[in-house]
Amino acid sequence: MSSHTWMLSTLYACGIRLRMDLTDARTVMGQMTAAFEHFNEVHPHSALKMKSPREFRQHRAAQQHLAQIEQTLHCEQPVS
């Protein structure tokens, strides 16, 4: 199975309403970049607690940043 076929079947299985022109292979292939962009950046994924990959990365980066701040503050406390 080609990656494009897998992508279309995955989008369909996930219940994404494809607003793609499926007239012919050339037309479909011309729309694949947008479909991949939507699936990888916008569409919520259950494995990511219903966040889009973009939201998940932003949330994780914010958590890591807060953890670094907490680590810094903990290390800088004077010992009594």
C-alpha atoms as a PDB file:
ATOM      1  CA  MET A   1       0.000   0.000   0.000  1.00  0.00           C
ATOM      2  CA  SER A   2       1.432   3.375  -0.938  1.00  0.00           C
ATOM      3  CA  SER A   3       1.708   6.093   1.685  1.00  0.00           C
ATOM      4  CA  HIS A   4      -0.896   8.127  -0.184  1.00  0.00           C
ATOM      5  CA  THR A   5      -3.372   5.229  -0.188  1.00  0.00           C
ATOM      6  CA  TRP A   6      -2.710   4.676   3.512  1.00  0.00           C
ATOM      7  CA  MET A   7      -3.271   8.371   4.212  1.00  0.00           C
ATOM      8  CA  LEU A   8      -6.599   8.428   2.391  1.00  0.00           C
ATOM      9  CA  SER A   9      -7.795   5.252   4.122  1.00  0.00           C
ATOM     10  CA  THR A  10      -6.651   6.599   7.512  1.00  0.00           C
ATOM     11  CA  LEU A  11      -8.413   9.917   6.982  1.00  0.00           C
ATOM     12  CA  TYR A  12     -11.549   8.057   5.963  1.00  0.00           C
ATOM     13  CA  ALA A  13     -11.337   5.629   8.915  1.00  0.00           C
ATOM     14  CA  CYS A  14     -10.877   8.521  11.354  1.00  0.00           C
ATOM     15  CA  GLY A  15     -14.130  10.019  10.171  1.00  0.00           C
ATOM     16  CA  ILE A  16     -12.575  13.060   8.559  1.00  0.00           C
ATOM     17  CA  ARG A  17     -14.929  14.351   5.944  1.00  0.00           C
ATOM     18  CA  LEU A  18     -12.720  14.643   2.942  1.00  0.00           C
ATOM     19  CA  ARG A  19     -13.520  17.701   0.965  1.00  0.00           C
ATOM     20  CA  MET A  20     -11.326  16.450  -1.800  1.00  0.00           C
ATOM     21  CA  ASP A  21     -12.068  16.218  -5.477  1.00  0.00           C
ATOM     22  CA  LEU A  22     -11.683  12.504  -6.195  1.00  0.00           C
ATOM     23  CA  THR A  23     -12.172  12.829  -9.939  1.00  0.00           C
ATOM     24  CA  ASP A  24      -8.881  11.187 -10.879  1.00  0.00           C
ATOM     25  CA  ALA A  25      -5.497  10.237  -9.446  1.00  0.00           C
ATOM     26  CA  ARG A  26      -3.754  13.410 -10.628  1.00  0.00           C
ATOM     27  CA  THR A  27      -6.358  15.596  -8.923  1.00  0.00           C
ATOM     28  CA  VAL A  28      -6.170  13.589  -5.699  1.00  0.00           C
ATOM     29  CA  MET A  29      -2.360  13.674  -5.686  1.00  0.00           C
ATOM     30  CA  GLY A  30      -2.474  17.447  -6.107  1.00  0.00           C
ATOM     31  CA  GLN A  31      -4.480  17.698  -2.882  1.00  0.00           C
ATOM     32  CA  MET A  32      -2.356  15.365  -0.772  1.00  0.00           C
ATOM     33  CA  THR A  33      -0.140  18.102   0.664  1.00  0.00           C
ATOM     34  CA  ALA A  34      -3.184  19.824   2.135  1.00  0.00           C
ATOM     35  CA  ALA A  35      -4.563  16.513   3.431  1.00  0.00           C
ATOM     36  CA  PHE A  36      -1.263  15.670   5.154  1.00  0.00           C
ATOM     37  CA  GLU A  37      -1.078  19.193   6.595  1.00  0.00           C
ATOM     38  CA  HIS A  38      -4.587  18.908   8.005  1.00  0.00           C
ATOM     39  CA  PHE A  39      -4.019  15.421   9.458  1.00  0.00           C
ATOM     40  CA  ASN A  40      -0.636  16.269  10.993  1.00  0.00           C
ATOM     41  CA  GLU A  41      -1.341  19.804  12.223  1.00  0.00           C
ATOM     42  CA  VAL A  42      -5.065  20.405  12.703  1.00  0.00           C
ATOM     43  CA  HIS A  43      -7.007  17.148  13.168  1.00  0.00           C
ATOM     44  CA  PRO A  44      -7.347  15.991  16.798  1.00  0.00           C
ATOM     45  CA  HIS A  45      -5.935  12.546  17.588  1.00  0.00           C
ATOM     46  CA  SER A  46      -7.207  10.301  20.367  1.00  0.00           C
ATOM     47  CA  ALA A  47      -3.635   9.179  21.147  1.00  0.00           C
ATOM     48  CA  LEU A  48      -2.809  12.832  21.875  1.00  0.00           C
ATOM     49  CA  LYS A  49      -5.774  13.251  24.233  1.00  0.00           C
ATOM     50  CA  MET A  50      -7.841  14.796  21.435  1.00  0.00           C
ATOM     51  CA  LYS A  51      -5.307  17.497  20.699  1.00  0.00           C
ATOM     52  CA  SER A  52      -3.966  18.164  17.250  1.00  0.00           C
ATOM     53  CA  PRO A  53      -0.274  17.356  16.855  1.00  0.00           C
ATOM     54  CA  ARG A  54       0.415  21.113  16.803  1.00  0.00           C
ATOM     55  CA  GLU A  55      -1.490  21.669  20.069  1.00  0.00           C
ATOM     56  CA  PHE A  56       0.195  18.643  21.641  1.00  0.00           C
ATOM     57  CA  ARG A  57       3.691  19.926  20.764  1.00  0.00           C
ATOM     58  CA  GLN A  58       2.873  23.400  22.104  1.00  0.00           C
ATOM     59  CA  HIS A  59       1.453  21.961  25.335  1.00  0.00           C
ATOM     60  CA  ARG A  60       4.464  19.671  25.820  1.00  0.00           C
ATOM     61  CA  ALA A  61       6.907  22.521  25.165  1.00  0.00           C
ATOM     62  CA  ALA A  62       5.121  24.695  27.725  1.00  0.00           C
ATOM     63  CA  GLN A  63       5.237  21.889  30.307  1.00  0.00           C
ATOM     64  CA  GLN A  64       8.958  21.360  29.671  1.00  0.00           C
ATOM     65  CA  HIS A  65       9.595  25.088  30.016  1.00  0.00           C
ATOM     66  CA  LEU A  66       7.752  25.194  33.361  1.00  0.00           C
ATOM     67  CA  ALA A  67       9.675  22.138  34.556  1.00  0.00           C
ATOM     68  CA  GLN A  68      12.965  23.888  33.693  1.00  0.00           C
ATOM     69  CA  ILE A  69      11.886  27.000  35.613  1.00  0.00           C
ATOM     70  CA  GLU A  70      10.911  24.905  38.627  1.00  0.00           C
ATOM     71  CA  GLN A  71      14.237  23.045  38.460  1.00  0.00           C
ATOM     72  CA  THR A  72      16.125  26.347  38.331  1.00  0.00           C
ATOM     73  CA  LEU A  73      14.191  27.799  41.255  1.00  0.00           C
ATOM     74  CA  HIS A  74      14.728  24.643  43.293  1.00  0.00           C
ATOM     75  CA  CYS A  75      18.476  24.698  42.649  1.00  0.00           C
ATOM     76  CA  GLU A  76      18.816  28.383  43.533  1.00  0.00           C
ATOM     77  CA  GLN A  77      17.184  28.167  46.965  1.00  0.00           C
ATOM     78  CA  PRO A  78      19.694  28.883  49.734  1.00  0.00           C
ATOM     79  CA  VAL A  79      20.521  26.031  52.030  1.00  0.00           C
ATOM     80  CA  SER A  80      19.650  26.762  55.679  1.00  0.00           C
END
